[in-house]
Amino acid sequence: MRAAGCVINDYADRHIDGHVERTHQRPLATGQISEKAALVLFTSLCAVAFLLVLLTNTLTIKLSFVGVALAAIYPFMKRYTHWPQLALGLAFSWAIPMAFSAQTASIPMVAWLTFVAAVLMTVAYDTYYAMVDRNDDLLIGVKSTAVLFGQWDRRIIGLLQSGTLLVLGYIGQVQQLGGFFYTSLVVMASLFIYQAMITRDRERDACFKAFLNNHWASFAVWIGLVLEYW
């Protein structure tokens, strides 16, 4: 589904990407790949994903229809709302209730808390991503949280990241997690501070670097959880 989401995103942006410095060489924008081929690939990837979901339970199968709808709708949101980053967060994070459902045939409160934390973090890091393209987006009329937040962008990202840490910390309390997990949250917080520091001047390369740095922030929490349960 991640691959399918990338395909439908490039399909939706095929007439936009050519006007954006970072994306003007994408194959759909240049005509290297046809629109029909992209739609066939998207449909095929969704079909394969659905076959995998059929190996789970009824609740997870029902949730998968919401997942594919979110993946298909997200790419078009930037035309109608300044919150495509929220739509992306919902689409990416929907895997969390689905995973809990597949394992337990239920969606406990901790699943929804994790979902909220993931959505908050996605909006934060994808706003950094949108800051890379903000000047181009303003010229061509594309909407994003980076455009909406304007000069408040870094402050709001900080608030979203703080919310992520608070929700994860609460999950740690509910699940009675220990030192490894909380150490991972300290690492995550440190990386969030690093991201804020390098983006002071809002330079394209720095914003993209901050966006990529979130891989390490998330990886730190994953390592903390692995050590905690091990």
C-alpha atoms as a PDB file:
ATOM      1  CA  MET A   1       0.000   0.000   0.000  1.00  0.00           C
ATOM      2  CA  ARG A   2       2.935   2.323   0.585  1.00  0.00           C
ATOM      3  CA  ALA A   3       3.991   1.744  -3.026  1.00  0.00           C
ATOM      4  CA  ALA A   4       0.402   2.171  -4.224  1.00  0.00           C
ATOM      5  CA  GLY A   5       0.200   5.461  -2.358  1.00  0.00           C
ATOM      6  CA  CYS A   6       3.352   6.702  -4.085  1.00  0.00           C
ATOM      7  CA  VAL A   7       1.930   5.762  -7.495  1.00  0.00           C
ATOM      8  CA  ILE A   8      -1.417   7.490  -7.026  1.00  0.00           C
ATOM      9  CA  ASN A   9       0.352  10.526  -5.540  1.00  0.00           C
ATOM     10  CA  ASP A  10       2.524  10.914  -8.640  1.00  0.00           C
ATOM     11  CA  TYR A  11      -0.529  10.355 -10.839  1.00  0.00           C
ATOM     12  CA  ALA A  12      -2.450  13.098  -9.026  1.00  0.00           C
ATOM     13  CA  ASP A  13       0.519  15.479  -9.286  1.00  0.00           C
ATOM     14  CA  ARG A  14       1.443  14.678 -12.892  1.00  0.00           C
ATOM     15  CA  HIS A  15       0.527  18.189 -14.080  1.00  0.00           C
ATOM     16  CA  ILE A  16       2.052  19.865 -11.013  1.00  0.00           C
ATOM     17  CA  ASP A  17       5.384  18.087 -10.555  1.00  0.00           C
ATOM     18  CA  GLY A  18       6.834  19.573 -13.713  1.00  0.00           C
ATOM     19  CA  HIS A  19       6.628  23.046 -12.149  1.00  0.00           C
ATOM     20  CA  VAL A  20       8.370  22.063  -8.898  1.00  0.00           C
ATOM     21  CA  GLU A  21      12.156  22.025  -8.721  1.00  0.00           C
ATOM     22  CA  ARG A  22      12.358  18.861  -6.602  1.00  0.00           C
ATOM     23  CA  THR A  23       9.926  16.785  -8.692  1.00  0.00           C
ATOM     24  CA  HIS A  24      10.179  18.002 -12.286  1.00  0.00           C
ATOM     25  CA  GLN A  25      12.021  14.843 -13.396  1.00  0.00           C
ATOM     26  CA  ARG A  26       9.450  12.353 -12.087  1.00  0.00           C
ATOM     27  CA  PRO A  27       8.491   9.863 -14.832  1.00  0.00           C
ATOM     28  CA  LEU A  28       4.813  10.822 -15.043  1.00  0.00           C
ATOM     29  CA  ALA A  29       5.682  14.507 -15.185  1.00  0.00           C
ATOM     30  CA  THR A  30       8.103  13.942 -18.059  1.00  0.00           C
ATOM     31  CA  GLY A  31       5.807  11.512 -19.909  1.00  0.00           C
ATOM     32  CA  GLN A  32       8.238   8.626 -19.514  1.00  0.00           C
ATOM     33  CA  ILE A  33       5.395   6.570 -18.031  1.00  0.00           C
ATOM     34  CA  SER A  34       1.807   6.777 -19.263  1.00  0.00           C
ATOM     35  CA  GLU A  35      -1.149   7.701 -17.082  1.00  0.00           C
ATOM     36  CA  LYS A  36      -2.828   4.396 -17.931  1.00  0.00           C
ATOM     37  CA  ALA A  37       0.238   2.413 -16.833  1.00  0.00           C
ATOM     38  CA  ALA A  38       0.261   4.270 -13.512  1.00  0.00           C
ATOM     39  CA  LEU A  39      -3.404   3.498 -12.847  1.00  0.00           C
ATOM     40  CA  VAL A  40      -2.908  -0.170 -13.769  1.00  0.00           C
ATOM     41  CA  LEU A  41       0.026  -0.384 -11.371  1.00  0.00           C
ATOM     42  CA  PHE A  42      -1.951   1.328  -8.591  1.00  0.00           C
ATOM     43  CA  THR A  43      -4.872  -1.053  -9.035  1.00  0.00           C
ATOM     44  CA  SER A  44      -2.565  -4.083  -9.141  1.00  0.00           C
ATOM     45  CA  LEU A  45      -0.740  -3.092  -5.966  1.00  0.00           C
ATOM     46  CA  CYS A  46      -4.050  -2.533  -4.159  1.00  0.00           C
ATOM     47  CA  ALA A  47      -5.264  -5.945  -5.316  1.00  0.00           C
ATOM     48  CA  VAL A  48      -2.136  -7.676  -3.997  1.00  0.00           C
ATOM     49  CA  ALA A  49      -2.470  -5.813  -0.692  1.00  0.00           C
ATOM     50  CA  PHE A  50      -6.124  -6.872  -0.422  1.00  0.00           C
ATOM     51  CA  LEU A  51      -5.163 -10.510  -0.995  1.00  0.00           C
ATOM     52  CA  LEU A  52      -2.811 -10.225   1.961  1.00  0.00           C
ATOM     53  CA  VAL A  53      -5.557  -8.662   4.088  1.00  0.00           C
ATOM     54  CA  LEU A  54      -7.831 -11.615   3.275  1.00  0.00           C
ATOM     55  CA  LEU A  55      -5.435 -13.747   5.329  1.00  0.00           C
ATOM     56  CA  THR A  56      -6.487 -11.837   8.458  1.00  0.00           C
ATOM     57  CA  ASN A  57      -9.910 -11.435  10.093  1.00  0.00           C
ATOM     58  CA  THR A  58     -13.209  -9.738   9.268  1.00  0.00           C
ATOM     59  CA  LEU A  59     -12.543  -6.568  11.268  1.00  0.00           C
ATOM     60  CA  THR A  60      -9.189  -6.030   9.573  1.00  0.00           C
ATOM     61  CA  ILE A  61     -10.731  -6.596   6.142  1.00  0.00           C
ATOM     62  CA  LYS A  62     -13.333  -3.913   6.904  1.00  0.00           C
ATOM     63  CA  LEU A  63     -10.616  -1.525   8.082  1.00  0.00           C
ATOM     64  CA  SER A  64      -8.683  -2.105   4.857  1.00  0.00           C
ATOM     65  CA  PHE A  65     -11.399  -0.353   2.834  1.00  0.00           C
ATOM     66  CA  VAL A  66     -10.858   2.782   4.929  1.00  0.00           C
ATOM     67  CA  GLY A  67      -7.112   2.398   4.355  1.00  0.00           C
ATOM     68  CA  VAL A  68      -7.354   2.231   0.573  1.00  0.00           C
ATOM     69  CA  ALA A  69      -9.788   5.179   0.534  1.00  0.00           C
ATOM     70  CA  LEU A  70      -7.348   7.283   2.575  1.00  0.00           C
ATOM     71  CA  ALA A  71      -4.466   6.317   0.282  1.00  0.00           C
ATOM     72  CA  ALA A  72      -6.466   7.228  -2.828  1.00  0.00           C
ATOM     73  CA  ILE A  73      -7.876  10.507  -1.479  1.00  0.00           C
ATOM     74  CA  TYR A  74      -4.715  11.960   0.062  1.00  0.00           C
ATOM     75  CA  PRO A  75      -2.917  13.024  -3.160  1.00  0.00           C
ATOM     76  CA  PHE A  76      -5.826  15.214  -4.235  1.00  0.00           C
ATOM     77  CA  MET A  77      -6.199  17.053  -0.916  1.00  0.00           C
ATOM     78  CA  LYS A  78      -3.620  19.743  -1.728  1.00  0.00           C
ATOM     79  CA  ARG A  79      -6.042  21.146  -4.300  1.00  0.00           C
ATOM     80  CA  TYR A  80      -8.859  21.702  -1.807  1.00  0.00           C
ATOM     81  CA  THR A  81      -7.354  22.114   1.661  1.00  0.00           C
ATOM     82  CA  HIS A  82      -4.225  23.340   3.398  1.00  0.00           C
ATOM     83  CA  TRP A  83      -4.189  20.088   5.381  1.00  0.00           C
ATOM     84  CA  PRO A  84      -2.909  17.401   2.974  1.00  0.00           C
ATOM     85  CA  GLN A  85      -0.298  16.591   5.635  1.00  0.00           C
ATOM     86  CA  LEU A  86      -3.110  15.566   7.983  1.00  0.00           C
ATOM     87  CA  ALA A  87      -4.595  13.350   5.271  1.00  0.00           C
ATOM     88  CA  LEU A  88      -1.150  11.765   4.820  1.00  0.00           C
ATOM     89  CA  GLY A  89      -0.900  11.183   8.569  1.00  0.00           C
ATOM     90  CA  LEU A  90      -4.273   9.444   8.622  1.00  0.00           C
ATOM     91  CA  ALA A  91      -3.344   7.291   5.615  1.00  0.00           C
ATOM     92  CA  PHE A  92       0.083   6.257   6.933  1.00  0.00           C
ATOM     93  CA  SER A  93      -1.102   5.716  10.506  1.00  0.00           C
ATOM     94  CA  TRP A  94      -4.151   3.641   9.600  1.00  0.00           C
ATOM     95  CA  ALA A  95      -1.817   0.652   9.542  1.00  0.00           C
ATOM     96  CA  ILE A  96      -1.700   0.866  13.360  1.00  0.00           C
ATOM     97  CA  PRO A  97      -5.348  -0.014  14.161  1.00  0.00           C
ATOM     98  CA  MET A  98      -5.185  -2.564  11.330  1.00  0.00           C
ATOM     99  CA  ALA A  99      -2.137  -4.238  12.883  1.00  0.00           C
ATOM    100  CA  PHE A 100      -3.782  -4.408  16.316  1.00  0.00           C
ATOM    101  CA  SER A 101      -6.952  -5.729  14.707  1.00  0.00           C
ATOM    102  CA  ALA A 102      -5.063  -8.390  12.750  1.00  0.00           C
ATOM    103  CA  GLN A 103      -3.317  -9.605  15.909  1.00  0.00           C
ATOM    104  CA  THR A 104      -6.111  -9.330  18.483  1.00  0.00           C
ATOM    105  CA  ALA A 105      -9.362  -8.942  16.482  1.00  0.00           C
ATOM    106  CA  SER A 106      -9.935  -5.727  18.456  1.00  0.00           C
ATOM    107  CA  ILE A 107      -8.690  -2.152  18.610  1.00  0.00           C
ATOM    108  CA  PRO A 108      -7.774  -1.263  22.214  1.00  0.00           C
ATOM    109  CA  MET A 109      -7.293   2.288  23.454  1.00  0.00           C
ATOM    110  CA  VAL A 110      -3.504   1.963  23.215  1.00  0.00           C
ATOM    111  CA  ALA A 111      -3.894   1.409  19.469  1.00  0.00           C
ATOM    112  CA  TRP A 112      -5.785   4.682  19.055  1.00  0.00           C
ATOM    113  CA  LEU A 113      -3.263   6.526  21.231  1.00  0.00           C
ATOM    114  CA  THR A 114      -0.445   5.207  19.052  1.00  0.00           C
ATOM    115  CA  PHE A 115      -2.457   6.240  16.007  1.00  0.00           C
ATOM    116  CA  VAL A 116      -2.754   9.804  17.352  1.00  0.00           C
ATOM    117  CA  ALA A 117       0.986   9.983  18.083  1.00  0.00           C
ATOM    118  CA  ALA A 118       1.793   8.800  14.566  1.00  0.00           C
ATOM    119  CA  VAL A 119      -0.580  11.315  12.979  1.00  0.00           C
ATOM    120  CA  LEU A 120       0.921  14.194  14.972  1.00  0.00           C
ATOM    121  CA  MET A 121       4.447  13.206  14.001  1.00  0.00           C
ATOM    122  CA  THR A 122       3.529  12.751  10.337  1.00  0.00           C
ATOM    123  CA  VAL A 123       1.989  16.223  10.118  1.00  0.00           C
ATOM    124  CA  ALA A 124       5.151  17.622  11.738  1.00  0.00           C
ATOM    125  CA  TYR A 125       7.707  15.929   9.485  1.00  0.00           C
ATOM    126  CA  ASP A 126       5.664  16.355   6.322  1.00  0.00           C
ATOM    127  CA  THR A 127       5.390  20.074   7.054  1.00  0.00           C
ATOM    128  CA  TYR A 128       9.201  20.168   6.909  1.00  0.00           C
ATOM    129  CA  TYR A 129       8.872  18.363   3.566  1.00  0.00           C
ATOM    130  CA  ALA A 130       6.318  20.917   2.371  1.00  0.00           C
ATOM    131  CA  MET A 131       8.629  23.747   3.427  1.00  0.00           C
ATOM    132  CA  VAL A 132      11.085  22.518   0.787  1.00  0.00           C
ATOM    133  CA  ASP A 133       8.511  23.191  -1.949  1.00  0.00           C
ATOM    134  CA  ARG A 134       6.729  26.150  -0.382  1.00  0.00           C
ATOM    135  CA  ASN A 135       7.977  28.812  -2.810  1.00  0.00           C
ATOM    136  CA  ASP A 136       6.997  26.679  -5.822  1.00  0.00           C
ATOM    137  CA  ASP A 137       3.635  25.799  -4.235  1.00  0.00           C
ATOM    138  CA  LEU A 138       2.811  29.465  -3.679  1.00  0.00           C
ATOM    139  CA  LEU A 139       3.471  30.190  -7.344  1.00  0.00           C
ATOM    140  CA  ILE A 140       1.304  27.380  -8.693  1.00  0.00           C
ATOM    141  CA  GLY A 141      -1.438  27.557  -6.041  1.00  0.00           C
ATOM    142  CA  VAL A 142      -0.817  24.244  -4.260  1.00  0.00           C
ATOM    143  CA  LYS A 143      -1.930  24.151  -0.613  1.00  0.00           C
ATOM    144  CA  SER A 144      -0.017  22.719   2.355  1.00  0.00           C
ATOM    145  CA  THR A 145       0.459  23.190   6.082  1.00  0.00           C
ATOM    146  CA  ALA A 146       3.756  24.937   5.277  1.00  0.00           C
ATOM    147  CA  VAL A 147       1.793  27.542   3.309  1.00  0.00           C
ATOM    148  CA  LEU A 148      -0.922  27.757   5.977  1.00  0.00           C
ATOM    149  CA  PHE A 149       1.436  28.071   8.950  1.00  0.00           C
ATOM    150  CA  GLY A 150       3.668  30.656   7.271  1.00  0.00           C
ATOM    151  CA  GLN A 151       6.103  32.226   9.728  1.00  0.00           C
ATOM    152  CA  TRP A 152       4.668  30.077  12.521  1.00  0.00           C
ATOM    153  CA  ASP A 153       5.757  26.869  10.766  1.00  0.00           C
ATOM    154  CA  ARG A 154       8.650  25.880  13.057  1.00  0.00           C
ATOM    155  CA  ARG A 155       6.725  26.762  16.223  1.00  0.00           C
ATOM    156  CA  ILE A 156       3.741  24.669  15.200  1.00  0.00           C
ATOM    157  CA  ILE A 157       6.005  21.787  14.194  1.00  0.00           C
ATOM    158  CA  GLY A 158       7.505  22.011  17.672  1.00  0.00           C
ATOM    159  CA  LEU A 159       4.041  21.837  19.235  1.00  0.00           C
ATOM    160  CA  LEU A 160       3.129  18.808  17.106  1.00  0.00           C
ATOM    161  CA  GLN A 161       6.365  17.072  18.056  1.00  0.00           C
ATOM    162  CA  SER A 162       5.779  17.884  21.722  1.00  0.00           C
ATOM    163  CA  GLY A 163       2.328  16.345  21.399  1.00  0.00           C
ATOM    164  CA  THR A 164       3.883  13.235  19.877  1.00  0.00           C
ATOM    165  CA  LEU A 165       6.251  12.880  22.842  1.00  0.00           C
ATOM    166  CA  LEU A 166       3.482  13.476  25.388  1.00  0.00           C
ATOM    167  CA  VAL A 167       1.196  10.852  23.847  1.00  0.00           C
ATOM    168  CA  LEU A 168       4.034   8.333  23.580  1.00  0.00           C
ATOM    169  CA  GLY A 169       4.984   9.061  27.186  1.00  0.00           C
ATOM    170  CA  TYR A 170       1.397   8.428  28.274  1.00  0.00           C
ATOM    171  CA  ILE A 171       1.386   5.164  26.323  1.00  0.00           C
ATOM    172  CA  GLY A 172       4.539   4.194  28.215  1.00  0.00           C
ATOM    173  CA  GLN A 173       2.706   4.786  31.499  1.00  0.00           C
ATOM    174  CA  VAL A 174      -0.362   2.826  30.410  1.00  0.00           C
ATOM    175  CA  GLN A 175       1.739  -0.088  29.149  1.00  0.00           C
ATOM    176  CA  GLN A 176       4.096   0.111  32.151  1.00  0.00           C
ATOM    177  CA  LEU A 177       7.164   0.453  29.944  1.00  0.00           C
ATOM    178  CA  GLY A 178      10.556   1.109  31.486  1.00  0.00           C
ATOM    179  CA  GLY A 179      13.900   2.806  31.029  1.00  0.00           C
ATOM    180  CA  PHE A 180      14.690   1.657  27.507  1.00  0.00           C
ATOM    181  CA  PHE A 181      11.487   3.178  26.164  1.00  0.00           C
ATOM    182  CA  TYR A 182      11.845   6.483  27.982  1.00  0.00           C
ATOM    183  CA  THR A 183      15.485   6.736  26.930  1.00  0.00           C
ATOM    184  CA  SER A 184      14.311   6.374  23.324  1.00  0.00           C
ATOM    185  CA  LEU A 185      11.895   9.277  23.871  1.00  0.00           C
ATOM    186  CA  VAL A 186      14.802  11.402  25.113  1.00  0.00           C
ATOM    187  CA  VAL A 187      16.688  10.555  21.918  1.00  0.00           C
ATOM    188  CA  MET A 188      13.625  11.441  19.851  1.00  0.00           C
ATOM    189  CA  ALA A 189      13.252  14.763  21.676  1.00  0.00           C
ATOM    190  CA  SER A 190      16.926  15.540  21.090  1.00  0.00           C
ATOM    191  CA  LEU A 191      16.538  14.900  17.371  1.00  0.00           C
ATOM    192  CA  PHE A 192      13.459  17.124  17.263  1.00  0.00           C
ATOM    193  CA  ILE A 193      15.524  19.923  18.812  1.00  0.00           C
ATOM    194  CA  TYR A 194      18.273  19.282  16.257  1.00  0.00           C
ATOM    195  CA  GLN A 195      15.710  19.607  13.449  1.00  0.00           C
ATOM    196  CA  ALA A 196      14.520  22.941  14.817  1.00  0.00           C
ATOM    197  CA  MET A 197      18.087  24.216  15.014  1.00  0.00           C
ATOM    198  CA  ILE A 198      19.102  23.353  11.451  1.00  0.00           C
ATOM    199  CA  THR A 199      15.934  24.875   9.963  1.00  0.00           C
ATOM    200  CA  ARG A 200      16.322  28.309  11.575  1.00  0.00           C
ATOM    201  CA  ASP A 201      16.806  29.931   8.167  1.00  0.00           C
ATOM    202  CA  ARG A 202      14.256  27.677   6.420  1.00  0.00           C
ATOM    203  CA  GLU A 203      16.684  26.770   3.641  1.00  0.00           C
ATOM    204  CA  ARG A 204      15.429  24.058   1.273  1.00  0.00           C
ATOM    205  CA  ASP A 205      18.291  21.623   1.936  1.00  0.00           C
ATOM    206  CA  ALA A 206      18.043  22.090   5.693  1.00  0.00           C
ATOM    207  CA  CYS A 207      14.274  21.484   5.694  1.00  0.00           C
ATOM    208  CA  PHE A 208      14.728  18.342   3.624  1.00  0.00           C
ATOM    209  CA  LYS A 209      17.483  17.189   5.982  1.00  0.00           C
ATOM    210  CA  ALA A 210      15.167  17.744   8.949  1.00  0.00           C
ATOM    211  CA  PHE A 211      12.436  15.765   7.184  1.00  0.00           C
ATOM    212  CA  LEU A 212      14.796  12.827   6.618  1.00  0.00           C
ATOM    213  CA  ASN A 213      16.081  12.993  10.197  1.00  0.00           C
ATOM    214  CA  ASN A 214      12.686  11.778  11.384  1.00  0.00           C
ATOM    215  CA  HIS A 215      13.689   8.304  10.217  1.00  0.00           C
ATOM    216  CA  TRP A 216      16.187   8.281  13.082  1.00  0.00           C
ATOM    217  CA  ALA A 217      13.715   9.748  15.564  1.00  0.00           C
ATOM    218  CA  SER A 218      11.247   6.956  14.811  1.00  0.00           C
ATOM    219  CA  PHE A 219      14.001   4.332  14.695  1.00  0.00           C
ATOM    220  CA  ALA A 220      15.099   5.343  18.188  1.00  0.00           C
ATOM    221  CA  VAL A 221      11.628   4.620  19.569  1.00  0.00           C
ATOM    222  CA  TRP A 222      11.491   1.321  17.712  1.00  0.00           C
ATOM    223  CA  ILE A 223      14.832   0.281  19.231  1.00  0.00           C
ATOM    224  CA  GLY A 224      13.554   1.308  22.661  1.00  0.00           C
ATOM    225  CA  LEU A 225      10.476  -0.876  22.242  1.00  0.00           C
ATOM    226  CA  VAL A 226      12.513  -3.852  20.987  1.00  0.00           C
ATOM    227  CA  LEU A 227      14.857  -3.633  23.986  1.00  0.00           C
ATOM    228  CA  GLU A 228      11.932  -3.117  26.354  1.00  0.00           C
ATOM    229  CA  TYR A 229      10.036  -6.221  25.265  1.00  0.00           C
ATOM    230  CA  TRP A 230      13.175  -8.298  24.840  1.00  0.00           C
END
